[in-house]
Protein backbone atom coordinates (compact mmCIF):
# COMPACT_ATOMS: atom_id res chain seq x y z
CA MET A 1 -46.36 -55.42 138.69
CA LYS A 2 -45.78 -59.05 137.82
CA ILE A 3 -46.99 -61.81 140.15
CA THR A 4 -45.31 -65.19 140.14
CA THR A 5 -45.45 -68.18 142.44
CA ILE A 6 -42.77 -69.33 144.83
CA THR A 7 -41.87 -72.90 143.92
CA SER A 8 -38.46 -73.73 145.34
CA ASN A 9 -38.06 -75.07 148.86
CA ARG A 10 -35.09 -72.75 149.35
CA ASP A 11 -37.27 -69.68 148.79
CA PHE A 12 -39.97 -71.00 151.13
CA GLN A 13 -37.38 -71.59 153.85
CA ARG A 14 -35.91 -68.10 153.38
CA VAL A 15 -39.33 -66.49 153.86
CA TYR A 16 -40.14 -68.72 156.85
CA HIS A 17 -36.87 -67.95 158.65
CA ARG A 18 -36.19 -64.32 157.71
CA GLY A 19 -39.69 -62.98 157.10
CA LYS A 20 -42.23 -61.59 159.51
CA SER A 21 -45.36 -63.58 160.29
CA LEU A 22 -48.87 -63.04 161.58
CA VAL A 23 -51.39 -65.65 162.72
CA SER A 24 -55.18 -65.68 162.66
CA PRO A 25 -57.69 -68.52 163.12
CA CYS A 26 -58.02 -69.04 159.36
CA LEU A 27 -54.61 -68.08 158.00
CA VAL A 28 -50.91 -67.66 158.71
CA THR A 29 -49.06 -65.06 156.63
CA TYR A 30 -45.31 -64.74 156.13
CA ALA A 31 -43.82 -61.81 154.21
CA ILE A 32 -40.37 -60.50 153.36
CA LYS A 33 -39.40 -57.50 151.25
CA THR A 34 -37.37 -58.25 148.12
CA LYS A 35 -35.14 -56.18 145.90
CA ASN A 36 -36.62 -57.27 142.57
CA ASN A 37 -39.86 -55.75 141.32
CA ASN A 38 -41.92 -58.96 141.44
CA LEU A 39 -44.66 -59.89 143.85
CA ARG A 40 -44.31 -63.61 144.53
CA ILE A 41 -46.78 -65.71 146.51
CA GLY A 42 -46.80 -69.25 147.81
CA ILE A 43 -49.66 -71.20 149.35
CA THR A 44 -49.06 -74.11 151.72
CA THR A 45 -51.61 -76.59 153.00
CA SER A 46 -50.50 -79.52 155.11
CA LYS A 47 -52.29 -82.81 155.53
CA LYS A 48 -53.48 -81.59 158.92
CA VAL A 49 -55.98 -79.42 157.01
CA GLY A 50 -57.74 -82.53 155.72
CA LYS A 51 -57.87 -84.73 152.68
CA ALA A 52 -57.21 -83.47 149.17
CA VAL A 53 -60.67 -81.95 148.68
CA LYS A 54 -60.37 -79.75 151.78
CA ARG A 55 -56.77 -78.79 150.99
CA ASN A 56 -57.74 -77.75 147.47
CA HIS A 57 -60.76 -75.85 148.77
CA SER A 58 -58.52 -74.01 151.24
CA ARG A 59 -56.09 -73.05 148.47
CA ARG A 60 -58.96 -71.79 146.30
CA LEU A 61 -60.25 -69.64 149.17
CA ILE A 62 -56.81 -68.13 149.70
CA ARG A 63 -56.29 -67.47 145.97
CA ALA A 64 -59.73 -65.82 145.67
CA ALA A 65 -59.07 -63.58 148.67
CA PHE A 66 -55.66 -62.63 147.27
CA ALA A 67 -57.18 -61.78 143.88
CA ASN A 68 -59.50 -59.26 145.57
CA ILE A 69 -56.68 -57.65 147.56
CA ARG A 70 -54.02 -57.69 144.81
CA PRO A 71 -54.87 -54.27 143.24
CA ASP A 72 -54.09 -52.55 146.57
CA MET A 73 -50.52 -53.87 146.69
CA SER A 74 -47.68 -51.73 145.44
CA ALA A 75 -44.37 -53.03 146.78
CA SER A 76 -42.28 -56.06 145.90
CA TYR A 77 -42.59 -58.84 148.45
CA ASP A 78 -42.40 -62.59 148.80
CA ILE A 79 -45.55 -63.70 150.62
CA ILE A 80 -46.50 -67.16 151.86
CA PHE A 81 -49.98 -68.04 153.04
CA VAL A 82 -50.37 -71.14 155.19
CA ALA A 83 -53.82 -72.68 155.49
CA ARG A 84 -54.90 -73.74 158.95
CA THR A 85 -57.31 -76.48 159.97
CA ARG A 86 -60.21 -73.99 160.12
CA THR A 87 -59.50 -72.47 156.69
CA ALA A 88 -61.68 -74.98 154.85
CA TYR A 89 -64.62 -74.03 157.10
CA CYS A 90 -64.17 -70.24 156.88
CA LYS A 91 -66.14 -68.08 154.49
CA SER A 92 -64.24 -66.30 151.74
CA TYR A 93 -64.93 -62.85 153.22
CA GLU A 94 -63.41 -63.99 156.54
CA VAL A 95 -60.23 -65.19 154.83
CA GLU A 96 -60.05 -61.91 152.89
CA LYS A 97 -60.55 -59.88 156.09
CA PHE A 98 -57.72 -61.67 157.91
CA MET A 99 -55.48 -61.49 154.84
CA ARG A 100 -56.06 -57.75 154.47
CA GLN A 101 -55.29 -57.22 158.18
CA HIS A 102 -52.09 -59.25 157.94
CA LEU A 103 -50.84 -57.57 154.79
CA THR A 104 -51.59 -54.11 156.21
CA GLN A 105 -49.72 -54.86 159.44
CA LEU A 106 -46.78 -56.28 157.47
CA GLY A 107 -46.61 -53.15 155.31
CA VAL A 108 -47.49 -54.79 152.01
CA ILE A 109 -50.71 -52.76 151.65
CA HIS A 110 -50.47 -49.01 152.23
């Protein structure tokens, strides 16, 4: 299973509007099933999260949590993770716990 990143604004908008979403204190997850056999992810951090250091830290936390969960995924989805204000202050195991809950409820993890 190949994993690529979502880069175009059009793809982000499609997932935001047509996908399902779940919210937790540390993370917002959007997911939509796709027909191709790629797993694509996108990570968004707005300036509300903080300055560049906190935004980058939040993205690193999300990427690390996703790397731990990735072997459990089997289907082809487009997934977007949105960092929240508290993400930079959460521990990595908390982000991973919320991410695993979200992906299980959305049907990405079986």
